[in-house]
Amino acid sequence: MSGAVEFSGCTVNCLISNMSISGAALEVANPQGIPERFNLFFKADGTKIPCHVIWRRDEQMGVAFD
């Protein structure tokens, strides 16, 4: 599913997968500069969910919804 990481006036496009009630996995082209806490924006319906990073691996990260 298409989404975006939003923080401090910046937006980084991402691919959202493995979503559950408590979190999701994200894939971004360049994870550098993405903070530990941000809003996850779902492009399909405009929903924004605050979340924080649980793990990072190359261009992937796992987040938990706050």
C-alpha atoms as a PDB file:
ATOM      1  CA  MET A   1       0.000   0.000   0.000  1.00  0.00           C
ATOM      2  CA  SER A   2       1.303   3.461  -0.845  1.00  0.00           C
ATOM      3  CA  GLY A   3       2.098   5.858   1.962  1.00  0.00           C
ATOM      4  CA  ALA A   4       4.422   8.559   3.210  1.00  0.00           C
ATOM      5  CA  VAL A   5       6.516   9.282   6.281  1.00  0.00           C
ATOM      6  CA  GLU A   6       5.852  12.861   7.456  1.00  0.00           C
ATOM      7  CA  PHE A   7       8.070  14.775   9.894  1.00  0.00           C
ATOM      8  CA  SER A   8       9.208  18.378  10.415  1.00  0.00           C
ATOM      9  CA  GLY A   9       7.591  19.556   7.196  1.00  0.00           C
ATOM     10  CA  CYS A  10       9.259  16.778   5.153  1.00  0.00           C
ATOM     11  CA  THR A  11       7.579  13.921   3.297  1.00  0.00           C
ATOM     12  CA  VAL A  12       9.254  10.639   2.283  1.00  0.00           C
ATOM     13  CA  ASN A  13       7.260   8.225   0.117  1.00  0.00           C
ATOM     14  CA  CYS A  14       7.085   4.642   1.357  1.00  0.00           C
ATOM     15  CA  LEU A  15       5.552   1.258   0.691  1.00  0.00           C
ATOM     16  CA  ILE A  16       3.519  -0.073   3.642  1.00  0.00           C
ATOM     17  CA  SER A  17       3.340  -3.846   4.177  1.00  0.00           C
ATOM     18  CA  ASN A  18       2.750  -6.419   6.932  1.00  0.00           C
ATOM     19  CA  MET A  19       0.266  -4.099   8.614  1.00  0.00           C
ATOM     20  CA  SER A  20      -1.420  -5.176  11.830  1.00  0.00           C
ATOM     21  CA  ILE A  21      -3.434  -3.402  14.496  1.00  0.00           C
ATOM     22  CA  SER A  22      -0.219  -2.470  16.313  1.00  0.00           C
ATOM     23  CA  GLY A  23       2.199  -1.564  13.502  1.00  0.00           C
ATOM     24  CA  ALA A  24       3.593  -2.126  10.023  1.00  0.00           C
ATOM     25  CA  ALA A  25       6.734  -2.606   7.939  1.00  0.00           C
ATOM     26  CA  LEU A  26       7.816   0.270   5.716  1.00  0.00           C
ATOM     27  CA  GLU A  27      10.150   0.385   2.738  1.00  0.00           C
ATOM     28  CA  VAL A  28      11.722   3.717   1.807  1.00  0.00           C
ATOM     29  CA  ALA A  29      14.221   4.634  -0.907  1.00  0.00           C
ATOM     30  CA  ASN A  30      16.482   6.527   1.510  1.00  0.00           C
ATOM     31  CA  PRO A  31      15.955   6.065   5.256  1.00  0.00           C
ATOM     32  CA  GLN A  32      18.644   8.581   6.267  1.00  0.00           C
ATOM     33  CA  GLY A  33      17.261  11.469   8.266  1.00  0.00           C
ATOM     34  CA  ILE A  34      13.993   9.765   9.196  1.00  0.00           C
ATOM     35  CA  PRO A  35      13.526  10.330  12.955  1.00  0.00           C
ATOM     36  CA  GLU A  36      12.400   7.792  15.538  1.00  0.00           C
ATOM     37  CA  ARG A  37       8.890   9.326  15.712  1.00  0.00           C
ATOM     38  CA  PHE A  38       6.791  10.550  12.790  1.00  0.00           C
ATOM     39  CA  ASN A  39       3.314  10.435  11.219  1.00  0.00           C
ATOM     40  CA  LEU A  40       2.549   7.669   8.745  1.00  0.00           C
ATOM     41  CA  PHE A  41       0.281   8.949   5.959  1.00  0.00           C
ATOM     42  CA  PHE A  42      -1.929   6.500   4.054  1.00  0.00           C
ATOM     43  CA  LYS A  43      -2.405   7.842   0.516  1.00  0.00           C
ATOM     44  CA  ALA A  44      -5.500   5.717  -0.160  1.00  0.00           C
ATOM     45  CA  ASP A  45      -7.714   7.513   2.365  1.00  0.00           C
ATOM     46  CA  GLY A  46      -5.641  10.360   3.824  1.00  0.00           C
ATOM     47  CA  THR A  47      -5.347   8.804   7.290  1.00  0.00           C
ATOM     48  CA  LYS A  48      -2.383   9.891   9.432  1.00  0.00           C
ATOM     49  CA  ILE A  49      -1.170   7.728  12.320  1.00  0.00           C
ATOM     50  CA  PRO A  50       1.585   8.747  14.749  1.00  0.00           C
ATOM     51  CA  CYS A  51       4.158   5.991  15.135  1.00  0.00           C
ATOM     52  CA  HIS A  52       7.690   5.200  16.263  1.00  0.00           C
ATOM     53  CA  VAL A  53      10.463   3.029  14.836  1.00  0.00           C
ATOM     54  CA  ILE A  54      11.040  -0.391  16.410  1.00  0.00           C
ATOM     55  CA  TRP A  55      13.708  -1.670  14.013  1.00  0.00           C
ATOM     56  CA  ARG A  56      15.668  -0.568  10.939  1.00  0.00           C
ATOM     57  CA  ARG A  57      17.346  -2.686   8.279  1.00  0.00           C
ATOM     58  CA  ASP A  58      18.759  -1.073   5.105  1.00  0.00           C
ATOM     59  CA  GLU A  59      15.763   0.543   3.348  1.00  0.00           C
ATOM     60  CA  GLN A  60      13.213  -1.130   5.635  1.00  0.00           C
ATOM     61  CA  MET A  61      11.881  -0.256   9.058  1.00  0.00           C
ATOM     62  CA  GLY A  62       9.298  -1.619  11.430  1.00  0.00           C
ATOM     63  CA  VAL A  63       7.021   0.820  13.222  1.00  0.00           C
ATOM     64  CA  ALA A  64       4.552   0.595  16.087  1.00  0.00           C
ATOM     65  CA  PHE A  65       1.460   2.790  16.051  1.00  0.00           C
ATOM     66  CA  ASP A  66       1.188   5.206  19.012  1.00  0.00           C
END
